[in-house]
């Protein structure tokens, strides 16, 4: 059995890639996944709030941080979607609805997968 087999199914996440980044330590990887869940669950709301205030710097930073976290855990679609959002926000421009929707969907897939895989209840 490989370390990846010991982990639950995680939609949107390449477990083998994420585990490799965690030196094939499933316990560490699980801890990081849970942390990513906590840190990113409200990112779309935070980005919307920043944009509503015209704070493109904060919105871009949120997208950038999410991009890095996604790469760390092997969530390659989310990493790509966050990069596209970050790029649009970089010029202090409102992101296109399609780019934001793609980011939100990719993040939702990862967040819901982590929650389901590790039994994380909503609001915890």
PDB file of N, CA and C in Angstrom:
ATOM      1  N   UNK A   1       0.844  -1.180   0.000  1.00  0.00           N
ATOM      2  CA  UNK A   1       0.000   0.000   0.000  1.00  0.00           C
ATOM      3  C   UNK A   1       0.890   1.245   0.000  1.00  0.00           C
ATOM      4  N   UNK A   2       0.575   2.182  -0.880  1.00  0.00           N
ATOM      5  CA  UNK A   2       1.351   3.427  -0.948  1.00  0.00           C
ATOM      6  C   UNK A   2       0.758   4.427   0.046  1.00  0.00           C
ATOM      7  N   UNK A   3       1.530   5.447   0.429  1.00  0.00           N
ATOM      8  CA  UNK A   3       0.988   6.458   1.338  1.00  0.00           C
ATOM      9  C   UNK A   3      -0.285   7.110   0.787  1.00  0.00           C
ATOM     10  N   UNK A   4      -0.363   7.283  -0.538  1.00  0.00           N
ATOM     11  CA  UNK A   4      -1.549   7.901  -1.141  1.00  0.00           C
ATOM     12  C   UNK A   4      -2.782   7.033  -0.929  1.00  0.00           C
ATOM     13  N   UNK A   5      -2.613   5.709  -0.902  1.00  0.00           N
ATOM     14  CA  UNK A   5      -3.740   4.805  -0.698  1.00  0.00           C
ATOM     15  C   UNK A   5      -4.329   4.941   0.707  1.00  0.00           C
ATOM     16  N   UNK A   6      -3.532   5.401   1.648  1.00  0.00           N
ATOM     17  CA  UNK A   6      -3.986   5.542   3.024  1.00  0.00           C
ATOM     18  C   UNK A   6      -4.879   6.773   3.201  1.00  0.00           C
ATOM     19  N   UNK A   7      -4.910   7.650   2.215  1.00  0.00           N
ATOM     20  CA  UNK A   7      -5.704   8.871   2.298  1.00  0.00           C
ATOM     21  C   UNK A   7      -7.047   8.692   1.599  1.00  0.00           C
ATOM     22  N   UNK A   8      -8.057   9.441   2.034  1.00  0.00           N
ATOM     23  CA  UNK A   8      -9.365   9.358   1.372  1.00  0.00           C
ATOM     24  C   UNK A   8      -9.311   9.958  -0.030  1.00  0.00           C
ATOM     25  N   UNK A   9     -10.351   9.688  -0.805  1.00  0.00           N
ATOM     26  CA  UNK A   9     -10.476  10.283  -2.131  1.00  0.00           C
ATOM     27  C   UNK A   9     -10.600  11.795  -1.953  1.00  0.00           C
ATOM     28  N   UNK A  10      -9.821  12.539  -2.717  1.00  0.00           N
ATOM     29  CA  UNK A  10      -9.815  13.997  -2.600  1.00  0.00           C
ATOM     30  C   UNK A  10     -10.005  14.614  -3.986  1.00  0.00           C
ATOM     31  N   UNK A  11     -11.261  14.845  -4.386  1.00  0.00           N
ATOM     32  CA  UNK A  11     -11.520  15.430  -5.701  1.00  0.00           C
ATOM     33  C   UNK A  11     -10.758  16.737  -5.904  1.00  0.00           C
ATOM     34  N   UNK A  12     -10.209  16.891  -7.093  1.00  0.00           N
ATOM     35  CA  UNK A  12      -9.490  18.110  -7.422  1.00  0.00           C
ATOM     36  C   UNK A  12      -8.060  18.151  -6.922  1.00  0.00           C
ATOM     37  N   UNK A  13      -7.617  17.059  -6.293  1.00  0.00           N
ATOM     38  CA  UNK A  13      -6.274  17.030  -5.717  1.00  0.00           C
ATOM     39  C   UNK A  13      -5.526  15.806  -6.215  1.00  0.00           C
ATOM     40  N   UNK A  14      -4.325  16.028  -6.694  1.00  0.00           N
ATOM     41  CA  UNK A  14      -3.429  14.942  -7.082  1.00  0.00           C
ATOM     42  C   UNK A  14      -2.682  14.526  -5.810  1.00  0.00           C
ATOM     43  N   UNK A  15      -3.205  13.490  -5.137  1.00  0.00           N
ATOM     44  CA  UNK A  15      -2.634  13.081  -3.851  1.00  0.00           C
ATOM     45  C   UNK A  15      -1.172  12.680  -3.969  1.00  0.00           C
ATOM     46  N   UNK A  16      -0.812  12.006  -5.042  1.00  0.00           N
ATOM     47  CA  UNK A  16       0.582  11.579  -5.209  1.00  0.00           C
ATOM     48  C   UNK A  16       1.507  12.790  -5.278  1.00  0.00           C
ATOM     49  N   UNK A  17       1.080  13.822  -6.008  1.00  0.00           N
ATOM     50  CA  UNK A  17       1.877  15.048  -6.110  1.00  0.00           C
ATOM     51  C   UNK A  17       1.967  15.745  -4.759  1.00  0.00           C
ATOM     52  N   UNK A  18       0.840  15.887  -4.090  1.00  0.00           N
ATOM     53  CA  UNK A  18       0.826  16.541  -2.788  1.00  0.00           C
ATOM     54  C   UNK A  18       1.672  15.793  -1.766  1.00  0.00           C
ATOM     55  N   UNK A  19       1.548  14.483  -1.758  1.00  0.00           N
ATOM     56  CA  UNK A  19       2.342  13.665  -0.826  1.00  0.00           C
ATOM     57  C   UNK A  19       3.832  13.801  -1.103  1.00  0.00           C
ATOM     58  N   UNK A  20       4.187  13.822  -2.368  1.00  0.00           N
ATOM     59  CA  UNK A  20       5.602  13.974  -2.729  1.00  0.00           C
ATOM     60  C   UNK A  20       6.138  15.290  -2.162  1.00  0.00           C
ATOM     61  N   UNK A  21       5.313  16.330  -2.232  1.00  0.00           N
ATOM     62  CA  UNK A  21       5.723  17.633  -1.702  1.00  0.00           C
ATOM     63  C   UNK A  21       5.848  17.612  -0.174  1.00  0.00           C
ATOM     64  N   UNK A  22       5.162  16.649   0.447  1.00  0.00           N
ATOM     65  CA  UNK A  22       5.207  16.497   1.907  1.00  0.00           C
ATOM     66  C   UNK A  22       6.147  15.365   2.320  1.00  0.00           C
ATOM     67  N   UNK A  23       7.095  15.054   1.467  1.00  0.00           N
ATOM     68  CA  UNK A  23       8.098  14.016   1.734  1.00  0.00           C
ATOM     69  C   UNK A  23       7.459  12.660   2.045  1.00  0.00           C
ATOM     70  N   UNK A  24       6.328  12.370   1.381  1.00  0.00           N
ATOM     71  CA  UNK A  24       5.594  11.113   1.548  1.00  0.00           C
ATOM     72  C   UNK A  24       5.213  10.834   2.999  1.00  0.00           C
ATOM     73  N   UNK A  25       4.812  11.891   3.691  1.00  0.00           N
ATOM     74  CA  UNK A  25       4.366  11.772   5.080  1.00  0.00           C
ATOM     75  C   UNK A  25       2.866  12.055   5.140  1.00  0.00           C
ATOM     76  N   UNK A  26       2.033  10.987   5.133  1.00  0.00           N
ATOM     77  CA  UNK A  26       0.582  11.180   5.108  1.00  0.00           C
ATOM     78  C   UNK A  26       0.042  12.013   6.270  1.00  0.00           C
ATOM     79  N   UNK A  27       0.625  11.872   7.457  1.00  0.00           N
ATOM     80  CA  UNK A  27       0.139  12.632   8.615  1.00  0.00           C
ATOM     81  C   UNK A  27       0.369  14.131   8.398  1.00  0.00           C
ATOM     82  N   UNK A  28       1.538  14.477   7.897  1.00  0.00           N
ATOM     83  CA  UNK A  28       1.847  15.872   7.597  1.00  0.00           C
ATOM     84  C   UNK A  28       0.911  16.391   6.512  1.00  0.00           C
ATOM     85  N   UNK A  29       0.725  15.587   5.478  1.00  0.00           N
ATOM     86  CA  UNK A  29      -0.131  15.991   4.362  1.00  0.00           C
ATOM     87  C   UNK A  29      -1.558  16.234   4.852  1.00  0.00           C
ATOM     88  N   UNK A  30      -2.068  15.343   5.688  1.00  0.00           N
ATOM     89  CA  UNK A  30      -3.425  15.536   6.217  1.00  0.00           C
ATOM     90  C   UNK A  30      -3.508  16.836   7.018  1.00  0.00           C
ATOM     91  N   UNK A  31      -2.517  17.103   7.832  1.00  0.00           N
ATOM     92  CA  UNK A  31      -2.499  18.330   8.626  1.00  0.00           C
ATOM     93  C   UNK A  31      -2.531  19.564   7.708  1.00  0.00           C
ATOM     94  N   UNK A  32      -1.725  19.515   6.642  1.00  0.00           N
ATOM     95  CA  UNK A  32      -1.677  20.633   5.684  1.00  0.00           C
ATOM     96  C   UNK A  32      -3.011  20.766   4.952  1.00  0.00           C
ATOM     97  N   UNK A  33      -3.603  19.653   4.554  1.00  0.00           N
ATOM     98  CA  UNK A  33      -4.897  19.691   3.866  1.00  0.00           C
ATOM     99  C   UNK A  33      -5.963  20.330   4.756  1.00  0.00           C
ATOM    100  N   UNK A  34      -5.987  19.934   6.013  1.00  0.00           N
ATOM    101  CA  UNK A  34      -6.963  20.512   6.951  1.00  0.00           C
ATOM    102  C   UNK A  34      -6.719  22.019   7.115  1.00  0.00           C
ATOM    103  N   UNK A  35      -5.458  22.407   7.163  1.00  0.00           N
ATOM    104  CA  UNK A  35      -5.113  23.818   7.282  1.00  0.00           C
ATOM    105  C   UNK A  35      -5.557  24.593   6.038  1.00  0.00           C
ATOM    106  N   UNK A  36      -5.333  24.016   4.874  1.00  0.00           N
ATOM    107  CA  UNK A  36      -5.757  24.665   3.621  1.00  0.00           C
ATOM    108  C   UNK A  36      -7.274  24.836   3.621  1.00  0.00           C
ATOM    109  N   UNK A  37      -7.993  23.828   4.083  1.00  0.00           N
ATOM    110  CA  UNK A  37      -9.455  23.918   4.171  1.00  0.00           C
ATOM    111  C   UNK A  37      -9.845  25.127   5.015  1.00  0.00           C
ATOM    112  N   UNK A  38      -9.270  25.234   6.194  1.00  0.00           N
ATOM    113  CA  UNK A  38      -9.589  26.323   7.107  1.00  0.00           C
ATOM    114  C   UNK A  38      -9.219  27.680   6.517  1.00  0.00           C
ATOM    115  N   UNK A  39      -8.057  27.755   5.904  1.00  0.00           N
ATOM    116  CA  UNK A  39      -7.544  29.035   5.404  1.00  0.00           C
ATOM    117  C   UNK A  39      -8.223  29.517   4.121  1.00  0.00           C
ATOM    118  N   UNK A  40      -8.795  28.603   3.352  1.00  0.00           N
ATOM    119  CA  UNK A  40      -9.330  29.026   2.045  1.00  0.00           C
ATOM    120  C   UNK A  40     -10.845  28.970   1.930  1.00  0.00           C
ATOM    121  N   UNK A  41     -11.522  28.438   2.918  1.00  0.00           N
ATOM    122  CA  UNK A  41     -12.970  28.250   2.786  1.00  0.00           C
ATOM    123  C   UNK A  41     -13.713  29.566   2.515  1.00  0.00           C
ATOM    124  N   UNK A  42     -13.234  30.664   3.090  1.00  0.00           N
ATOM    125  CA  UNK A  42     -13.917  31.948   2.919  1.00  0.00           C
ATOM    126  C   UNK A  42     -13.218  32.894   1.935  1.00  0.00           C
ATOM    127  N   UNK A  43     -12.276  32.384   1.166  1.00  0.00           N
ATOM    128  CA  UNK A  43     -11.531  33.243   0.243  1.00  0.00           C
ATOM    129  C   UNK A  43     -12.430  33.931  -0.792  1.00  0.00           C
ATOM    130  N   UNK A  44     -13.378  33.236  -1.431  1.00  0.00           N
ATOM    131  CA  UNK A  44     -14.214  33.956  -2.402  1.00  0.00           C
ATOM    132  C   UNK A  44     -14.957  35.138  -1.760  1.00  0.00           C
ATOM    133  N   UNK A  45     -15.462  34.940  -0.549  1.00  0.00           N
ATOM    134  CA  UNK A  45     -16.161  36.011   0.167  1.00  0.00           C
ATOM    135  C   UNK A  45     -15.191  37.162   0.457  1.00  0.00           C
ATOM    136  N   UNK A  46     -13.986  36.839   0.868  1.00  0.00           N
ATOM    137  CA  UNK A  46     -12.984  37.870   1.170  1.00  0.00           C
ATOM    138  C   UNK A  46     -12.603  38.649  -0.084  1.00  0.00           C
ATOM    139  N   UNK A  47     -12.466  37.941  -1.206  1.00  0.00           N
ATOM    140  CA  UNK A  47     -12.128  38.620  -2.462  1.00  0.00           C
ATOM    141  C   UNK A  47     -13.263  39.539  -2.883  1.00  0.00           C
ATOM    142  N   UNK A  48     -14.494  39.050  -2.777  1.00  0.00           N
ATOM    143  CA  UNK A  48     -15.645  39.901  -3.136  1.00  0.00           C
ATOM    144  C   UNK A  48     -15.688  41.156  -2.261  1.00  0.00           C
ATOM    145  N   UNK A  49     -15.451  40.984  -0.961  1.00  0.00           N
ATOM    146  CA  UNK A  49     -15.475  42.127  -0.046  1.00  0.00           C
ATOM    147  C   UNK A  49     -14.381  43.132  -0.408  1.00  0.00           C
ATOM    148  N   UNK A  50     -13.193  42.626  -0.707  1.00  0.00           N
ATOM    149  CA  UNK A  50     -12.093  43.513  -1.094  1.00  0.00           C
ATOM    150  C   UNK A  50     -12.432  44.262  -2.381  1.00  0.00           C
ATOM    151  N   UNK A  51     -12.983  43.553  -3.349  1.00  0.00           N
ATOM    152  CA  UNK A  51     -13.338  44.192  -4.615  1.00  0.00           C
ATOM    153  C   UNK A  51     -14.432  45.241  -4.421  1.00  0.00           C
ATOM    154  N   UNK A  52     -15.376  44.952  -3.544  1.00  0.00           N
ATOM    155  CA  UNK A  52     -16.455  45.908  -3.278  1.00  0.00           C
ATOM    156  C   UNK A  52     -15.905  47.208  -2.700  1.00  0.00           C
ATOM    157  N   UNK A  53     -14.767  47.113  -2.020  1.00  0.00           N
ATOM    158  CA  UNK A  53     -14.131  48.303  -1.448  1.00  0.00           C
ATOM    159  C   UNK A  53     -13.066  48.884  -2.380  1.00  0.00           C
ATOM    160  N   UNK A  54     -12.911  48.288  -3.558  1.00  0.00           N
ATOM    161  CA  UNK A  54     -11.906  48.762  -4.498  1.00  0.00           C
ATOM    162  C   UNK A  54     -10.487  48.393  -4.092  1.00  0.00           C
ATOM    163  N   UNK A  55     -10.361  47.415  -3.208  1.00  0.00           N
ATOM    164  CA  UNK A  55      -9.048  46.995  -2.697  1.00  0.00           C
ATOM    165  C   UNK A  55      -8.518  45.821  -3.541  1.00  0.00           C
ATOM    166  N   UNK A  56      -7.982  46.161  -4.687  1.00  0.00           N
ATOM    167  CA  UNK A  56      -7.484  45.142  -5.605  1.00  0.00           C
ATOM    168  C   UNK A  56      -6.228  44.463  -5.074  1.00  0.00           C
ATOM    169  N   UNK A  57      -5.451  45.163  -4.277  1.00  0.00           N
ATOM    170  CA  UNK A  57      -4.229  44.590  -3.713  1.00  0.00           C
ATOM    171  C   UNK A  57      -4.557  43.410  -2.805  1.00  0.00           C
ATOM    172  N   UNK A  58      -5.534  43.591  -1.925  1.00  0.00           N
ATOM    173  CA  UNK A  58      -5.937  42.503  -1.027  1.00  0.00           C
ATOM    174  C   UNK A  58      -6.542  41.358  -1.821  1.00  0.00           C
ATOM    175  N   UNK A  59      -7.374  41.674  -2.794  1.00  0.00           N
ATOM    176  CA  UNK A  59      -7.991  40.629  -3.616  1.00  0.00           C
ATOM    177  C   UNK A  59      -6.918  39.829  -4.357  1.00  0.00           C
ATOM    178  N   UNK A  60      -5.948  40.537  -4.910  1.00  0.00           N
ATOM    179  CA  UNK A  60      -4.863  39.854  -5.629  1.00  0.00           C
ATOM    180  C   UNK A  60      -4.043  38.993  -4.671  1.00  0.00           C
ATOM    181  N   UNK A  61      -3.772  39.496  -3.477  1.00  0.00           N
ATOM    182  CA  UNK A  61      -3.003  38.740  -2.487  1.00  0.00           C
ATOM    183  C   UNK A  61      -3.744  37.459  -2.090  1.00  0.00           C
ATOM    184  N   UNK A  62      -5.056  37.548  -1.948  1.00  0.00           N
ATOM    185  CA  UNK A  62      -5.858  36.359  -1.614  1.00  0.00           C
ATOM    186  C   UNK A  62      -5.749  35.305  -2.725  1.00  0.00           C
ATOM    187  N   UNK A  63      -5.838  35.749  -3.962  1.00  0.00           N
ATOM    188  CA  UNK A  63      -5.712  34.823  -5.092  1.00  0.00           C
ATOM    189  C   UNK A  63      -4.306  34.225  -5.135  1.00  0.00           C
ATOM    190  N   UNK A  64      -3.309  35.060  -4.892  1.00  0.00           N
ATOM    191  CA  UNK A  64      -1.917  34.598  -4.911  1.00  0.00           C
ATOM    192  C   UNK A  64      -1.665  33.557  -3.815  1.00  0.00           C
ATOM    193  N   UNK A  65      -2.141  33.826  -2.619  1.00  0.00           N
ATOM    194  CA  UNK A  65      -1.969  32.887  -1.511  1.00  0.00           C
ATOM    195  C   UNK A  65      -2.667  31.564  -1.808  1.00  0.00           C
ATOM    196  N   UNK A  66      -3.871  31.646  -2.348  1.00  0.00           N
ATOM    197  CA  UNK A  66      -4.614  30.429  -2.694  1.00  0.00           C
ATOM    198  C   UNK A  66      -3.869  29.642  -3.766  1.00  0.00           C
ATOM    199  N   UNK A  67      -3.276  30.346  -4.717  1.00  0.00           N
ATOM    200  CA  UNK A  67      -2.485  29.686  -5.770  1.00  0.00           C
ATOM    201  C   UNK A  67      -1.342  28.892  -5.143  1.00  0.00           C
ATOM    202  N   UNK A  68      -0.627  29.499  -4.224  1.00  0.00           N
ATOM    203  CA  UNK A  68       0.493  28.820  -3.574  1.00  0.00           C
ATOM    204  C   UNK A  68       0.058  27.624  -2.749  1.00  0.00           C
ATOM    205  N   UNK A  69      -1.013  27.790  -1.982  1.00  0.00           N
ATOM    206  CA  UNK A  69      -1.519  26.686  -1.174  1.00  0.00           C
ATOM    207  C   UNK A  69      -1.987  25.531  -2.063  1.00  0.00           C
ATOM    208  N   UNK A  70      -2.648  25.873  -3.151  1.00  0.00           N
ATOM    209  CA  UNK A  70      -3.126  24.844  -4.081  1.00  0.00           C
ATOM    210  C   UNK A  70      -1.957  24.048  -4.652  1.00  0.00           C
ATOM    211  N   UNK A  71      -0.898  24.741  -5.023  1.00  0.00           N
ATOM    212  CA  UNK A  71       0.278  24.057  -5.545  1.00  0.00           C
ATOM    213  C   UNK A  71       0.902  23.141  -4.512  1.00  0.00           C
ATOM    214  N   UNK A  72       0.920  23.585  -3.273  1.00  0.00           N
ATOM    215  CA  UNK A  72       1.508  22.798  -2.194  1.00  0.00           C
ATOM    216  C   UNK A  72       0.796  21.469  -1.991  1.00  0.00           C
ATOM    217  N   UNK A  73      -0.537  21.470  -2.124  1.00  0.00           N
ATOM    218  CA  UNK A  73      -1.288  20.239  -1.859  1.00  0.00           C
ATOM    219  C   UNK A  73      -1.561  19.408  -3.113  1.00  0.00           C
ATOM    220  N   UNK A  74      -1.161  19.905  -4.281  1.00  0.00           N
ATOM    221  CA  UNK A  74      -1.388  19.150  -5.511  1.00  0.00           C
ATOM    222  C   UNK A  74      -2.738  19.410  -6.153  1.00  0.00           C
ATOM    223  N   UNK A  75      -3.357  20.553  -5.835  1.00  0.00           N
ATOM    224  CA  UNK A  75      -4.639  20.929  -6.432  1.00  0.00           C
ATOM    225  C   UNK A  75      -4.348  21.769  -7.677  1.00  0.00           C
ATOM    226  N   UNK A  76      -3.991  21.090  -8.750  1.00  0.00           N
ATOM    227  CA  UNK A  76      -3.473  21.773  -9.932  1.00  0.00           C
ATOM    228  C   UNK A  76      -4.515  22.611 -10.669  1.00  0.00           C
ATOM    229  N   UNK A  77      -5.771  22.148 -10.725  1.00  0.00           N
ATOM    230  CA  UNK A  77      -6.817  22.952 -11.375  1.00  0.00           C
ATOM    231  C   UNK A  77      -7.071  24.231 -10.584  1.00  0.00           C
ATOM    232  N   UNK A  78      -7.091  24.108  -9.265  1.00  0.00           N
ATOM    233  CA  UNK A  78      -7.276  25.285  -8.422  1.00  0.00           C
ATOM    234  C   UNK A  78      -6.087  26.226  -8.562  1.00  0.00           C
ATOM    235  N   UNK A  79      -4.897  25.683  -8.616  1.00  0.00           N
ATOM    236  CA  UNK A  79      -3.703  26.510  -8.779  1.00  0.00           C
ATOM    237  C   UNK A  79      -3.796  27.312 -10.074  1.00  0.00           C
ATOM    238  N   UNK A  80      -4.200  26.664 -11.135  1.00  0.00           N
ATOM    239  CA  UNK A  80      -4.336  27.327 -12.431  1.00  0.00           C
ATOM    240  C   UNK A  80      -5.436  28.388 -12.407  1.00  0.00           C
ATOM    241  N   UNK A  81      -6.570  28.063 -11.800  1.00  0.00           N
ATOM    242  CA  UNK A  81      -7.678  29.022 -11.724  1.00  0.00           C
ATOM    243  C   UNK A  81      -7.302  30.225 -10.866  1.00  0.00           C
ATOM    244  N   UNK A  82      -6.586  29.978  -9.777  1.00  0.00           N
ATOM    245  CA  UNK A  82      -6.145  31.080  -8.910  1.00  0.00           C
ATOM    246  C   UNK A  82      -5.128  31.962  -9.635  1.00  0.00           C
ATOM    247  N   UNK A  83      -4.265  31.348 -10.430  1.00  0.00           N
ATOM    248  CA  UNK A  83      -3.281  32.115 -11.205  1.00  0.00           C
ATOM    249  C   UNK A  83      -3.980  33.017 -12.216  1.00  0.00           C
ATOM    250  N   UNK A  84      -5.011  32.494 -12.873  1.00  0.00           N
ATOM    251  CA  UNK A  84      -5.756  33.286 -13.851  1.00  0.00           C
ATOM    252  C   UNK A  84      -6.457  34.459 -13.163  1.00  0.00           C
ATOM    253  N   UNK A  85      -7.026  34.204 -11.991  1.00  0.00           N
ATOM    254  CA  UNK A  85      -7.686  35.276 -11.237  1.00  0.00           C
ATOM    255  C   UNK A  85      -6.662  36.314 -10.779  1.00  0.00           C
ATOM    256  N   UNK A  86      -5.547  35.845 -10.262  1.00  0.00           N
ATOM    257  CA  UNK A  86      -4.489  36.752  -9.813  1.00  0.00           C
ATOM    258  C   UNK A  86      -4.027  37.654 -10.961  1.00  0.00           C
ATOM    259  N   UNK A  87      -3.873  37.071 -12.123  1.00  0.00           N
ATOM    260  CA  UNK A  87      -3.411  37.826 -13.290  1.00  0.00           C
ATOM    261  C   UNK A  87      -4.400  38.935 -13.650  1.00  0.00           C
ATOM    262  N   UNK A  88      -5.689  38.615 -13.609  1.00  0.00           N
ATOM    263  CA  UNK A  88      -6.687  39.635 -13.933  1.00  0.00           C
ATOM    264  C   UNK A  88      -6.717  40.737 -12.881  1.00  0.00           C
ATOM    265  N   UNK A  89      -6.552  40.366 -11.622  1.00  0.00           N
ATOM    266  CA  UNK A  89      -6.597  41.349 -10.541  1.00  0.00           C
ATOM    267  C   UNK A  89      -5.347  42.225 -10.514  1.00  0.00           C
ATOM    268  N   UNK A  90      -4.263  41.733 -11.074  1.00  0.00           N
ATOM    269  CA  UNK A  90      -2.988  42.450 -11.023  1.00  0.00           C
ATOM    270  C   UNK A  90      -3.068  43.853 -11.618  1.00  0.00           C
ATOM    271  N   UNK A  91      -3.858  44.016 -12.629  1.00  0.00           N
ATOM    272  CA  UNK A  91      -3.979  45.327 -13.263  1.00  0.00           C
ATOM    273  C   UNK A  91      -5.041  46.203 -12.619  1.00  0.00           C
ATOM    274  N   UNK A  92      -5.442  45.858 -11.392  1.00  0.00           N
ATOM    275  CA  UNK A  92      -6.505  46.592 -10.685  1.00  0.00           C
ATOM    276  C   UNK A  92      -7.779  46.656 -11.514  1.00  0.00           C
ATOM    277  N   UNK A  93      -8.099  45.521 -12.099  1.00  0.00           N
ATOM    278  CA  UNK A  93      -9.321  45.432 -12.894  1.00  0.00           C
ATOM    279  C   UNK A  93     -10.229  44.368 -12.295  1.00  0.00           C
ATOM    280  N   UNK A  94     -11.522  44.591 -12.443  1.00  0.00           N
ATOM    281  CA  UNK A  94     -12.471  43.580 -11.983  1.00  0.00           C
ATOM    282  C   UNK A  94     -12.255  42.320 -12.809  1.00  0.00           C
ATOM    283  N   UNK A  95     -12.218  41.163 -12.154  1.00  0.00           N
ATOM    284  CA  UNK A  95     -12.038  39.921 -12.904  1.00  0.00           C
ATOM    285  C   UNK A  95     -13.297  39.599 -13.705  1.00  0.00           C
ATOM    286  N   UNK A  96     -13.113  38.918 -14.805  1.00  0.00           N
ATOM    287  CA  UNK A  96     -14.280  38.526 -15.586  1.00  0.00           C
ATOM    288  C   UNK A  96     -15.093  37.522 -14.770  1.00  0.00           C
ATOM    289  N   UNK A  97     -16.412  37.545 -14.939  1.00  0.00           N
ATOM    290  CA  UNK A  97     -17.251  36.607 -14.202  1.00  0.00           C
ATOM    291  C   UNK A  97     -16.852  35.149 -14.450  1.00  0.00           C
ATOM    292  N   UNK A  98     -16.423  34.843 -15.678  1.00  0.00           N
ATOM    293  CA  UNK A  98     -16.024  33.470 -15.994  1.00  0.00           C
ATOM    294  C   UNK A  98     -14.784  33.045 -15.220  1.00  0.00           C
ATOM    295  N   UNK A  99     -13.808  33.924 -15.132  1.00  0.00           N
ATOM    296  CA  UNK A  99     -12.568  33.604 -14.414  1.00  0.00           C
ATOM    297  C   UNK A  99     -12.862  33.422 -12.927  1.00  0.00           C
ATOM    298  N   UNK A 100     -13.676  34.303 -12.368  1.00  0.00           N
ATOM    299  CA  UNK A 100     -14.010  34.187 -10.948  1.00  0.00           C
ATOM    300  C   UNK A 100     -14.819  32.918 -10.690  1.00  0.00           C
ATOM    301  N   UNK A 101     -15.762  32.615 -11.570  1.00  0.00           N
ATOM    302  CA  UNK A 101     -16.582  31.407 -11.411  1.00  0.00           C
ATOM    303  C   UNK A 101     -15.724  30.144 -11.493  1.00  0.00           C
ATOM    304  N   UNK A 102     -14.758  30.139 -12.393  1.00  0.00           N
ATOM    305  CA  UNK A 102     -13.869  28.985 -12.523  1.00  0.00           C
ATOM    306  C   UNK A 102     -13.037  28.814 -11.243  1.00  0.00           C
ATOM    307  N   UNK A 103     -12.545  29.914 -10.705  1.00  0.00           N
ATOM    308  CA  UNK A 103     -11.789  29.887  -9.449  1.00  0.00           C
ATOM    309  C   UNK A 103     -12.667  29.349  -8.321  1.00  0.00           C
ATOM    310  N   UNK A 104     -13.864  29.900  -8.222  1.00  0.00           N
ATOM    311  CA  UNK A 104     -14.772  29.488  -7.147  1.00  0.00           C
ATOM    312  C   UNK A 104     -15.136  28.008  -7.238  1.00  0.00           C
ATOM    313  N   UNK A 105     -15.386  27.531  -8.447  1.00  0.00           N
ATOM    314  CA  UNK A 105     -15.745  26.119  -8.620  1.00  0.00           C
ATOM    315  C   UNK A 105     -14.564  25.217  -8.271  1.00  0.00           C
ATOM    316  N   UNK A 106     -13.383  25.565  -8.725  1.00  0.00           N
ATOM    317  CA  UNK A 106     -12.198  24.755  -8.418  1.00  0.00           C
ATOM    318  C   UNK A 106     -11.947  24.724  -6.912  1.00  0.00           C
ATOM    319  N   UNK A 107     -12.108  25.866  -6.260  1.00  0.00           N
ATOM    320  CA  UNK A 107     -11.912  25.930  -4.806  1.00  0.00           C
ATOM    321  C   UNK A 107     -12.979  25.115  -4.090  1.00  0.00           C
ATOM    322  N   UNK A 108     -14.227  25.229  -4.523  1.00  0.00           N
ATOM    323  CA  UNK A 108     -15.312  24.472  -3.904  1.00  0.00           C
ATOM    324  C   UNK A 108     -15.054  22.972  -4.013  1.00  0.00           C
ATOM    325  N   UNK A 109     -14.594  22.519  -5.165  1.00  0.00           N
ATOM    326  CA  UNK A 109     -14.296  21.095  -5.354  1.00  0.00           C
ATOM    327  C   UNK A 109     -13.257  20.628  -4.336  1.00  0.00           C
ATOM    328  N   UNK A 110     -12.196  21.410  -4.176  1.00  0.00           N
ATOM    329  CA  UNK A 110     -11.114  21.051  -3.246  1.00  0.00           C
ATOM    330  C   UNK A 110     -11.601  21.101  -1.806  1.00  0.00           C
ATOM    331  N   UNK A 111     -12.271  22.175  -1.427  1.00  0.00           N
ATOM    332  CA  UNK A 111     -12.753  22.361  -0.056  1.00  0.00           C
ATOM    333  C   UNK A 111     -13.746  21.266   0.325  1.00  0.00           C
ATOM    334  N   UNK A 112     -14.708  21.006  -0.557  1.00  0.00           N
ATOM    335  CA  UNK A 112     -15.708  19.986  -0.260  1.00  0.00           C
ATOM    336  C   UNK A 112     -15.077  18.594  -0.213  1.00  0.00           C
ATOM    337  N   UNK A 113     -14.090  18.358  -1.073  1.00  0.00           N
ATOM    338  CA  UNK A 113     -13.397  17.072  -1.063  1.00  0.00           C
ATOM    339  C   UNK A 113     -12.628  16.844   0.227  1.00  0.00           C
ATOM    340  N   UNK A 114     -11.932  17.880   0.697  1.00  0.00           N
ATOM    341  CA  UNK A 114     -11.192  17.767   1.959  1.00  0.00           C
ATOM    342  C   UNK A 114     -12.173  17.544   3.105  1.00  0.00           C
ATOM    343  N   UNK A 115     -13.261  18.307   3.117  1.00  0.00           N
ATOM    344  CA  UNK A 115     -14.255  18.173   4.190  1.00  0.00           C
ATOM    345  C   UNK A 115     -14.850  16.762   4.215  1.00  0.00           C
ATOM    346  N   UNK A 116     -15.224  16.258   3.049  1.00  0.00           N
ATOM    347  CA  UNK A 116     -15.796  14.919   2.980  1.00  0.00           C
ATOM    348  C   UNK A 116     -14.768  13.846   3.339  1.00  0.00           C
ATOM    349  N   UNK A 117     -13.568  14.000   2.827  1.00  0.00           N
ATOM    350  CA  UNK A 117     -12.533  12.996   3.051  1.00  0.00           C
ATOM    351  C   UNK A 117     -12.103  12.865   4.493  1.00  0.00           C
ATOM    352  N   UNK A 118     -12.143  13.975   5.232  1.00  0.00           N
ATOM    353  CA  UNK A 118     -11.673  13.951   6.620  1.00  0.00           C
ATOM    354  C   UNK A 118     -12.778  14.213   7.632  1.00  0.00           C
ATOM    355  N   UNK A 119     -14.032  14.199   7.171  1.00  0.00           N
ATOM    356  CA  UNK A 119     -15.154  14.358   8.089  1.00  0.00           C
ATOM    357  C   UNK A 119     -15.217  15.711   8.767  1.00  0.00           C
ATOM    358  N   UNK A 120     -14.829  16.757   8.033  1.00  0.00           N
ATOM    359  CA  UNK A 120     -14.876  18.115   8.598  1.00  0.00           C
ATOM    360  C   UNK A 120     -16.296  18.642   8.420  1.00  0.00           C
ATOM    361  N   UNK A 121     -16.914  18.994   9.523  1.00  0.00           N
ATOM    362  CA  UNK A 121     -18.286  19.503   9.491  1.00  0.00           C
ATOM    363  C   UNK A 121     -18.277  20.978   9.120  1.00  0.00           C
ATOM    364  N   UNK A 122     -19.352  21.403   8.496  1.00  0.00           N
ATOM    365  CA  UNK A 122     -19.499  22.802   8.122  1.00  0.00           C
ATOM    366  C   UNK A 122     -19.438  23.664   9.376  1.00  0.00           C
ATOM    367  N   UNK A 123     -18.677  24.730   9.306  1.00  0.00           N
ATOM    368  CA  UNK A 123     -18.542  25.622  10.438  1.00  0.00           C
ATOM    369  C   UNK A 123     -17.477  25.213  11.434  1.00  0.00           C
ATOM    370  N   UNK A 124     -16.712  24.124  11.118  1.00  0.00           N
ATOM    371  CA  UNK A 124     -15.650  23.729  12.057  1.00  0.00           C
ATOM    372  C   UNK A 124     -14.299  23.962  11.469  1.00  0.00           C
TER     373      UNK A 124
END
